[in-house]
Protein backbone atom coordinates (compact mmCIF):
# COMPACT_ATOMS: atom_id res chain seq x y z
CA MET A 1 0.00 0.00 0.00
CA LEU A 2 2.81 2.41 0.87
CA THR A 3 4.50 1.58 -2.41
CA TRP A 4 1.38 2.45 -4.33
CA LEU A 5 1.06 5.85 -2.58
CA THR A 6 4.65 6.71 -3.40
CA SER A 7 4.22 5.91 -7.10
CA SER A 8 3.45 8.70 -9.54
CA ILE A 9 -0.15 7.54 -9.97
CA GLY A 10 -0.60 7.22 -6.22
CA LYS A 11 0.72 10.74 -5.69
CA LEU A 12 -1.62 12.07 -8.37
CA VAL A 13 -4.62 10.31 -6.83
CA ALA A 14 -3.66 11.56 -3.35
CA LYS A 15 -3.25 15.11 -4.64
CA TRP A 16 -6.64 15.14 -6.39
CA THR A 17 -8.32 13.52 -3.39
CA ALA A 18 -6.90 16.20 -1.12
CA PHE A 19 -8.00 18.89 -3.59
CA ALA A 20 -11.53 17.43 -3.71
CA ALA A 21 -11.68 17.25 0.10
CA ILE A 22 -10.60 20.89 0.41
CA ALA A 23 -13.16 21.93 -2.21
CA VAL A 24 -15.93 20.09 -0.34
CA ALA A 25 -14.86 21.68 2.96
CA VAL A 26 -14.87 25.17 1.43
CA TYR A 27 -18.28 24.55 -0.16
CA TRP A 28 -19.68 23.28 3.15
CA LYS A 29 -18.34 26.35 5.00
CA ILE A 30 -19.93 28.72 2.46
CA TYR A 31 -23.21 26.78 2.66
CA ALA A 32 -23.26 26.88 6.48
CA ASP A 33 -22.44 30.62 6.50
CA GLY A 34 -25.29 31.22 4.06
CA GLN A 35 -27.70 29.34 6.29
CA ALA A 36 -26.59 31.31 9.34
CA ALA A 37 -26.97 34.61 7.48
CA GLU A 38 -30.47 33.68 6.34
CA ARG A 39 -31.48 32.68 9.87
CA ALA A 40 -30.15 36.00 11.19
CA LYS A 41 -32.08 37.87 8.51
CA GLN A 42 -35.30 36.05 9.40
CA VAL A 43 -34.83 36.77 13.11
CA ALA A 44 -34.26 40.46 12.35
CA GLU A 45 -37.41 40.60 10.21
CA LYS A 46 -39.40 38.87 12.94
CA MET A 47 -38.15 41.34 15.54
CA ASP A 48 -39.06 44.25 13.26
CA SER A 49 -42.58 42.89 12.82
CA VAL A 50 -42.95 42.42 16.59
CA LYS A 51 -41.85 46.03 17.16
CA GLU A 52 -44.34 47.23 14.54
CA ARG A 53 -47.14 45.19 16.12
CA GLU A 54 -46.33 46.62 19.56
CA ARG A 55 -46.29 50.15 18.14
CA ILE A 56 -49.72 49.64 16.56
CA GLN A 57 -51.14 48.08 19.73
CA ASP A 58 -49.87 51.00 21.79
CA ALA A 59 -51.39 53.49 19.36
CA VAL A 60 -54.74 51.69 19.45
CA ALA A 61 -54.65 51.45 23.25
CA LYS A 62 -54.22 55.25 23.47
CA MET A 63 -57.19 55.93 21.15
CA PRO A 64 -60.65 56.59 22.60
CA ALA A 65 -63.19 53.80 22.12
CA ASP A 66 -65.23 55.79 19.58
CA ALA A 67 -62.16 56.38 17.42
CA VAL A 68 -61.28 52.67 17.51
CA ARG A 69 -64.83 51.77 16.51
CA GLY A 70 -64.67 54.29 13.67
CA GLU A 71 -61.37 52.89 12.39
CA LEU A 72 -62.60 49.31 12.59
CA SER A 73 -65.85 50.16 10.80
CA ARG A 74 -63.81 51.05 7.71
CA TRP A 75 -62.63 47.43 7.56
CA VAL A 76 -66.12 45.88 7.68
CA ARG A 77 -68.33 45.68 4.62
CA ASP A 78 -71.87 46.93 4.98
CA ASP A 79 -73.96 44.63 2.77
CA GLY A 80 -77.23 45.29 4.55
């Protein structure tokens, strides 16, 4: 086995195997970094939507009941 690895063909196969392993490792690292970046982006978007929801809820809570009813009546169809 050692003789085969020291032959010119064995060295060539070992070199290309090492090259392929490095290429796979680099690809896997890029793939994992992309996944992490996408997860971070989704968390940031979720936090922004939570902040927006809280802002709207606070604004509605500060409105008088008649104003809330008036705003909500714009969202309901009057078919009758």
